[in-house]
Every structure is written in structure tokens, then in C-alpha cells.
């Protein structure tokens, strides 16, 4: 059984996101580029992942695809992303991608970004 692992986390449109303090830490919604590979194997693919606080998630869409954090800081967001990704396993890389695509947008996906909520 293969297990996914995070290789890198980069906040889209934020330099040094680890130091960023949002104006309202209870209402935050941010997209990230995460590099994901298989434990013990070389290489990774990029995925887009939204992270938000409960109050920050978009209200207009019926379904939010992303992860929710109770507290917005670098450690809680990073830990939530790593925990989510490392919980995913499959018999093949394609199985892992399929599971990740339930919440993330894969760089090689044929799906439209609007389908991800």
C-alpha cells in the first residue's frame, strides 16, 4: 500500500506566509500549492488546496472543497495539510490522486477548477 506525503507547502500570492497575520484570524480563506509524493519514492506532483477557518470558508458555494482549521497560524495550517495528505493511501499513485482530487486540484487534472468549489 502506497502512502502520500507532503513535500512542500506554498501559499498562493503570499510571500513568507509563515509570518503573515491576517486582519481577521477568524475569517481566513487561502489557496496553497502543495507538492505531494509517495513515501519512499522520488518525485512529486503539485496540487491546489484551499484552507479556511470555519467562518472564512466561502458561503456562496453549496460545497466547500478544502480543509478547515480552527485556528489560523502557520503550525495549525501546516499540520492540518500534512495530516490530511498523510492519511491518504492507495494501491497505485492513481488511487492516491483520485482521493486527493476529492479536495485538491491536481496540476494534470482535466477537471475545471470551478468543479472544486
N, C-alpha and C. Protein backbone atom coordinates (compact mmCIF):
# COMPACT_ATOMS: atom_id res chain seq x y z
N UNK A 1 0.85 -1.18 0.00
CA UNK A 1 0.00 0.00 0.00
C UNK A 1 0.90 1.25 0.00
N UNK A 2 0.63 2.16 -0.91
CA UNK A 2 1.39 3.41 -1.01
C UNK A 2 0.73 4.48 -0.13
N UNK A 3 1.55 5.33 0.48
CA UNK A 3 1.04 6.42 1.32
C UNK A 3 1.56 7.74 0.78
N UNK A 4 0.67 8.75 0.72
CA UNK A 4 1.03 10.08 0.24
C UNK A 4 1.77 10.85 1.33
N UNK A 5 2.66 11.75 0.88
CA UNK A 5 3.34 12.64 1.83
C UNK A 5 3.53 14.01 1.21
N UNK A 6 3.47 15.03 2.04
CA UNK A 6 3.68 16.40 1.61
C UNK A 6 5.18 16.65 1.49
N UNK A 7 5.58 17.22 0.37
CA UNK A 7 6.98 17.57 0.17
C UNK A 7 7.20 19.07 0.34
N UNK A 8 6.16 19.87 0.04
CA UNK A 8 6.29 21.32 0.16
C UNK A 8 4.91 21.95 0.24
N UNK A 9 4.84 23.07 0.95
CA UNK A 9 3.60 23.85 1.08
C UNK A 9 3.94 25.30 0.80
N UNK A 10 3.26 25.89 -0.19
CA UNK A 10 3.48 27.29 -0.55
C UNK A 10 2.13 27.98 -0.63
N UNK A 11 1.98 29.09 0.05
CA UNK A 11 0.74 29.85 -0.03
C UNK A 11 0.72 30.64 -1.34
N UNK A 12 -0.37 30.54 -2.07
CA UNK A 12 -0.50 31.28 -3.32
C UNK A 12 -0.64 32.77 -2.99
N UNK A 13 0.12 33.59 -3.67
CA UNK A 13 0.03 35.05 -3.57
C UNK A 13 0.44 35.62 -2.22
N UNK A 14 1.16 34.86 -1.39
CA UNK A 14 1.64 35.39 -0.12
C UNK A 14 3.12 35.07 0.04
N UNK A 15 3.94 36.10 0.10
CA UNK A 15 5.35 35.88 0.41
C UNK A 15 5.47 35.62 1.90
N UNK A 16 6.30 34.65 2.24
CA UNK A 16 6.55 34.33 3.64
C UNK A 16 5.25 34.15 4.42
N UNK A 17 4.38 33.27 3.93
CA UNK A 17 3.07 33.07 4.56
C UNK A 17 3.20 32.65 6.01
N UNK A 18 4.33 32.07 6.36
CA UNK A 18 4.54 31.63 7.73
C UNK A 18 4.52 32.81 8.70
N UNK A 19 4.82 33.99 8.20
CA UNK A 19 4.85 35.20 9.03
C UNK A 19 3.60 36.05 8.88
N UNK A 20 2.74 35.70 7.92
CA UNK A 20 1.55 36.50 7.62
C UNK A 20 0.54 36.42 8.75
N UNK A 21 0.04 37.58 9.15
CA UNK A 21 -1.02 37.64 10.16
C UNK A 21 -2.23 38.26 9.49
N UNK A 22 -3.31 37.49 9.32
CA UNK A 22 -4.49 38.02 8.64
C UNK A 22 -5.16 39.11 9.48
N UNK A 23 -5.87 40.01 8.81
CA UNK A 23 -6.55 41.10 9.53
C UNK A 23 -7.63 40.56 10.46
N UNK A 24 -8.28 39.47 10.06
CA UNK A 24 -9.27 38.82 10.91
C UNK A 24 -8.96 37.32 10.95
N UNK A 25 -8.24 36.85 11.97
CA UNK A 25 -7.82 35.45 12.01
C UNK A 25 -8.97 34.45 12.13
N UNK A 26 -10.19 34.92 12.34
CA UNK A 26 -11.34 34.01 12.40
C UNK A 26 -11.99 33.83 11.03
N UNK A 27 -11.66 34.73 10.10
CA UNK A 27 -12.25 34.66 8.76
C UNK A 27 -11.15 34.66 7.71
N UNK A 28 -10.57 33.49 7.52
CA UNK A 28 -9.46 33.37 6.57
C UNK A 28 -9.77 32.28 5.56
N UNK A 29 -9.45 32.56 4.31
CA UNK A 29 -9.60 31.62 3.20
C UNK A 29 -8.38 31.81 2.31
N UNK A 30 -7.60 30.76 2.13
CA UNK A 30 -6.35 30.88 1.39
C UNK A 30 -6.08 29.63 0.57
N UNK A 31 -5.60 29.82 -0.66
CA UNK A 31 -5.20 28.71 -1.51
C UNK A 31 -3.71 28.43 -1.34
N UNK A 32 -3.36 27.15 -1.41
CA UNK A 32 -1.98 26.71 -1.29
C UNK A 32 -1.62 25.80 -2.45
N UNK A 33 -0.36 25.82 -2.83
CA UNK A 33 0.19 24.82 -3.74
C UNK A 33 0.95 23.84 -2.86
N UNK A 34 0.56 22.59 -2.91
CA UNK A 34 1.26 21.58 -2.13
C UNK A 34 1.86 20.56 -3.09
N UNK A 35 3.10 20.20 -2.84
CA UNK A 35 3.76 19.14 -3.60
C UNK A 35 3.57 17.84 -2.83
N UNK A 36 3.07 16.84 -3.52
CA UNK A 36 2.75 15.56 -2.88
C UNK A 36 3.42 14.43 -3.65
N UNK A 37 4.04 13.55 -2.90
CA UNK A 37 4.66 12.37 -3.49
C UNK A 37 4.28 11.15 -2.68
N UNK A 38 4.94 10.05 -2.96
CA UNK A 38 4.71 8.79 -2.26
C UNK A 38 5.88 8.58 -1.30
N UNK A 39 5.56 8.19 -0.08
CA UNK A 39 6.60 7.93 0.92
C UNK A 39 7.61 6.94 0.35
N UNK A 40 8.90 7.30 0.42
CA UNK A 40 9.96 6.42 -0.03
C UNK A 40 10.23 6.45 -1.52
N UNK A 41 9.48 7.25 -2.27
CA UNK A 41 9.70 7.32 -3.71
C UNK A 41 10.11 8.72 -4.10
N UNK A 42 10.82 8.82 -5.22
CA UNK A 42 11.27 10.09 -5.75
C UNK A 42 10.15 10.76 -6.54
N UNK A 43 10.12 12.09 -6.52
CA UNK A 43 9.19 12.85 -7.34
C UNK A 43 7.95 13.27 -6.59
N UNK A 44 7.27 14.29 -7.16
CA UNK A 44 6.04 14.82 -6.57
C UNK A 44 5.26 15.56 -7.64
N UNK A 45 3.97 15.66 -7.43
CA UNK A 45 3.10 16.45 -8.29
C UNK A 45 2.52 17.58 -7.44
N UNK A 46 2.12 18.65 -8.12
CA UNK A 46 1.53 19.79 -7.42
C UNK A 46 0.01 19.70 -7.41
N UNK A 47 -0.55 20.12 -6.30
CA UNK A 47 -1.99 20.18 -6.11
C UNK A 47 -2.34 21.55 -5.52
N UNK A 48 -3.50 22.06 -5.89
CA UNK A 48 -4.02 23.28 -5.27
C UNK A 48 -4.99 22.86 -4.18
N UNK A 49 -4.83 23.46 -3.01
CA UNK A 49 -5.66 23.11 -1.86
C UNK A 49 -6.09 24.38 -1.15
N UNK A 50 -7.37 24.50 -0.89
CA UNK A 50 -7.89 25.64 -0.13
C UNK A 50 -7.93 25.28 1.34
N UNK A 51 -7.56 26.23 2.17
CA UNK A 51 -7.67 26.08 3.61
C UNK A 51 -8.41 27.30 4.14
N UNK A 52 -9.25 27.07 5.13
CA UNK A 52 -10.06 28.17 5.66
C UNK A 52 -10.41 27.91 7.12
N UNK A 53 -10.73 28.98 7.80
CA UNK A 53 -11.34 28.85 9.12
C UNK A 53 -12.83 28.59 8.88
N UNK A 54 -13.52 28.15 9.92
CA UNK A 54 -14.96 27.88 9.76
C UNK A 54 -15.72 29.11 9.27
N UNK A 55 -15.39 30.26 9.79
CA UNK A 55 -16.06 31.50 9.39
C UNK A 55 -15.54 32.06 8.07
N UNK A 56 -14.39 31.58 7.63
CA UNK A 56 -13.79 32.10 6.42
C UNK A 56 -14.13 31.35 5.15
N UNK A 57 -14.69 30.16 5.30
CA UNK A 57 -14.98 29.37 4.09
C UNK A 57 -16.07 30.06 3.28
N UNK A 58 -16.01 29.91 1.98
CA UNK A 58 -17.00 30.57 1.10
C UNK A 58 -18.41 30.11 1.41
N UNK A 59 -19.30 31.04 1.51
CA UNK A 59 -20.70 30.72 1.82
C UNK A 59 -21.55 30.56 0.56
N UNK A 60 -21.07 31.10 -0.56
CA UNK A 60 -21.87 31.07 -1.78
C UNK A 60 -21.96 29.68 -2.39
N UNK A 61 -20.90 28.90 -2.25
CA UNK A 61 -20.93 27.56 -2.84
C UNK A 61 -21.60 26.58 -1.88
N UNK A 62 -22.30 25.62 -2.45
CA UNK A 62 -23.00 24.63 -1.64
C UNK A 62 -22.03 23.68 -0.97
N UNK A 63 -20.89 23.48 -1.62
CA UNK A 63 -19.91 22.51 -1.13
C UNK A 63 -18.54 23.15 -1.09
N UNK A 64 -17.90 23.11 0.05
CA UNK A 64 -16.54 23.62 0.19
C UNK A 64 -15.57 22.47 0.05
N UNK A 65 -14.67 22.55 -0.91
CA UNK A 65 -13.63 21.54 -1.07
C UNK A 65 -12.34 22.12 -0.53
N UNK A 66 -11.92 21.62 0.58
CA UNK A 66 -10.70 22.11 1.21
C UNK A 66 -10.63 21.60 2.63
N UNK A 67 -9.72 22.18 3.40
CA UNK A 67 -9.60 21.79 4.80
C UNK A 67 -9.98 22.97 5.68
N UNK A 68 -10.55 22.64 6.82
CA UNK A 68 -10.96 23.64 7.80
C UNK A 68 -10.01 23.57 8.98
N UNK A 69 -9.56 24.73 9.42
CA UNK A 69 -8.73 24.81 10.62
C UNK A 69 -9.45 25.65 11.66
N UNK A 70 -9.29 25.28 12.91
CA UNK A 70 -9.93 26.03 13.99
C UNK A 70 -9.19 27.33 14.28
N UNK A 71 -7.88 27.30 14.09
CA UNK A 71 -7.05 28.46 14.40
C UNK A 71 -6.13 28.72 13.22
N UNK A 72 -5.99 29.98 12.82
CA UNK A 72 -5.16 30.29 11.67
C UNK A 72 -3.77 30.74 12.11
N UNK A 73 -2.83 29.83 11.97
CA UNK A 73 -1.42 30.15 12.12
C UNK A 73 -0.65 29.11 11.32
N UNK A 74 0.62 29.38 11.11
CA UNK A 74 1.43 28.51 10.25
C UNK A 74 1.41 27.07 10.73
N UNK A 75 1.58 26.86 12.02
CA UNK A 75 1.63 25.48 12.53
C UNK A 75 0.31 24.75 12.36
N UNK A 76 -0.81 25.40 12.69
CA UNK A 76 -2.10 24.70 12.59
C UNK A 76 -2.45 24.39 11.14
N UNK A 77 -2.16 25.32 10.24
CA UNK A 77 -2.46 25.09 8.82
C UNK A 77 -1.54 24.01 8.24
N UNK A 78 -0.25 24.13 8.50
CA UNK A 78 0.70 23.12 8.00
C UNK A 78 0.37 21.74 8.55
N UNK A 79 0.10 21.66 9.83
CA UNK A 79 -0.23 20.37 10.44
C UNK A 79 -1.49 19.77 9.85
N UNK A 80 -2.50 20.60 9.60
CA UNK A 80 -3.75 20.11 9.02
C UNK A 80 -3.52 19.58 7.61
N UNK A 81 -2.71 20.28 6.82
CA UNK A 81 -2.42 19.84 5.46
C UNK A 81 -1.65 18.52 5.48
N UNK A 82 -0.61 18.45 6.31
CA UNK A 82 0.20 17.23 6.40
C UNK A 82 -0.65 16.06 6.91
N UNK A 83 -1.48 16.31 7.91
CA UNK A 83 -2.33 15.25 8.45
C UNK A 83 -3.31 14.73 7.40
N UNK A 84 -3.92 15.65 6.66
CA UNK A 84 -4.86 15.25 5.61
C UNK A 84 -4.15 14.39 4.55
N UNK A 85 -3.04 14.91 4.02
CA UNK A 85 -2.35 14.22 2.93
C UNK A 85 -1.82 12.87 3.40
N UNK A 86 -1.22 12.82 4.58
CA UNK A 86 -0.62 11.56 5.04
C UNK A 86 -1.67 10.51 5.39
N UNK A 87 -2.93 10.90 5.47
CA UNK A 87 -4.00 9.93 5.73
C UNK A 87 -4.43 9.20 4.45
N UNK A 88 -3.92 9.64 3.32
CA UNK A 88 -4.33 9.08 2.04
C UNK A 88 -3.34 8.01 1.58
N UNK A 89 -3.90 6.86 1.23
CA UNK A 89 -3.09 5.78 0.70
C UNK A 89 -3.87 5.06 -0.40
N UNK A 90 -3.17 4.27 -1.17
CA UNK A 90 -3.80 3.53 -2.25
C UNK A 90 -2.84 2.51 -2.82
N UNK A 91 -3.37 1.64 -3.65
CA UNK A 91 -2.54 0.62 -4.28
C UNK A 91 -1.64 1.20 -5.36
N UNK A 92 -2.07 2.32 -5.98
CA UNK A 92 -1.30 2.96 -7.04
C UNK A 92 -1.30 4.47 -6.82
N UNK A 93 -0.41 5.17 -7.54
CA UNK A 93 -0.40 6.63 -7.50
C UNK A 93 -1.74 7.17 -7.99
N UNK A 94 -2.32 6.53 -8.97
CA UNK A 94 -3.62 6.97 -9.49
C UNK A 94 -4.69 6.90 -8.42
N UNK A 95 -4.64 5.88 -7.57
CA UNK A 95 -5.59 5.79 -6.45
C UNK A 95 -5.41 6.97 -5.50
N UNK A 96 -4.16 7.31 -5.23
CA UNK A 96 -3.88 8.44 -4.34
C UNK A 96 -4.38 9.74 -4.96
N UNK A 97 -4.11 9.94 -6.23
CA UNK A 97 -4.56 11.15 -6.92
C UNK A 97 -6.08 11.26 -6.86
N UNK A 98 -6.76 10.17 -7.13
CA UNK A 98 -8.23 10.17 -7.10
C UNK A 98 -8.74 10.63 -5.74
N UNK A 99 -8.12 10.15 -4.67
CA UNK A 99 -8.52 10.54 -3.31
C UNK A 99 -8.20 12.01 -3.05
N UNK A 100 -7.02 12.43 -3.47
CA UNK A 100 -6.65 13.84 -3.28
C UNK A 100 -7.57 14.77 -4.04
N UNK A 101 -8.00 14.34 -5.23
CA UNK A 101 -8.86 15.20 -6.05
C UNK A 101 -10.26 15.40 -5.47
N UNK A 102 -10.58 14.69 -4.42
CA UNK A 102 -11.84 14.96 -3.72
C UNK A 102 -11.80 16.32 -3.04
N UNK A 103 -10.60 16.80 -2.75
CA UNK A 103 -10.42 18.07 -2.04
C UNK A 103 -9.46 19.01 -2.76
N UNK A 104 -8.55 18.47 -3.54
CA UNK A 104 -7.50 19.26 -4.20
C UNK A 104 -7.70 19.30 -5.71
N UNK A 105 -7.02 20.27 -6.33
CA UNK A 105 -6.98 20.37 -7.78
C UNK A 105 -5.60 19.92 -8.25
N UNK A 106 -5.52 18.84 -8.98
CA UNK A 106 -4.27 18.27 -9.45
C UNK A 106 -3.76 19.04 -10.67
N UNK A 107 -2.44 19.25 -10.75
CA UNK A 107 -1.88 20.01 -11.85
C UNK A 107 -2.15 19.38 -13.22
N UNK A 108 -2.38 18.09 -13.28
CA UNK A 108 -2.62 17.40 -14.54
C UNK A 108 -4.10 17.04 -14.75
N UNK A 109 -4.95 17.58 -13.93
CA UNK A 109 -6.38 17.25 -14.00
C UNK A 109 -7.02 17.78 -15.27
N UNK A 110 -8.00 17.06 -15.72
CA UNK A 110 -8.81 17.53 -16.85
C UNK A 110 -10.08 18.22 -16.36
N UNK A 111 -10.25 18.23 -15.04
CA UNK A 111 -11.43 18.87 -14.46
C UNK A 111 -11.24 20.38 -14.42
N UNK A 112 -12.32 21.10 -14.42
CA UNK A 112 -12.29 22.55 -14.32
C UNK A 112 -12.13 22.95 -12.86
N UNK A 113 -11.39 24.02 -12.59
CA UNK A 113 -11.20 24.48 -11.23
C UNK A 113 -12.53 24.80 -10.56
N UNK A 114 -13.52 25.25 -11.33
CA UNK A 114 -14.82 25.58 -10.76
C UNK A 114 -15.52 24.35 -10.18
N UNK A 115 -15.14 23.15 -10.63
CA UNK A 115 -15.74 21.92 -10.11
C UNK A 115 -15.28 21.62 -8.70
N UNK A 116 -14.24 22.29 -8.22
CA UNK A 116 -13.70 22.02 -6.90
C UNK A 116 -14.33 22.87 -5.81
N UNK A 117 -15.25 23.73 -6.16
CA UNK A 117 -15.94 24.54 -5.15
C UNK A 117 -15.11 25.70 -4.76
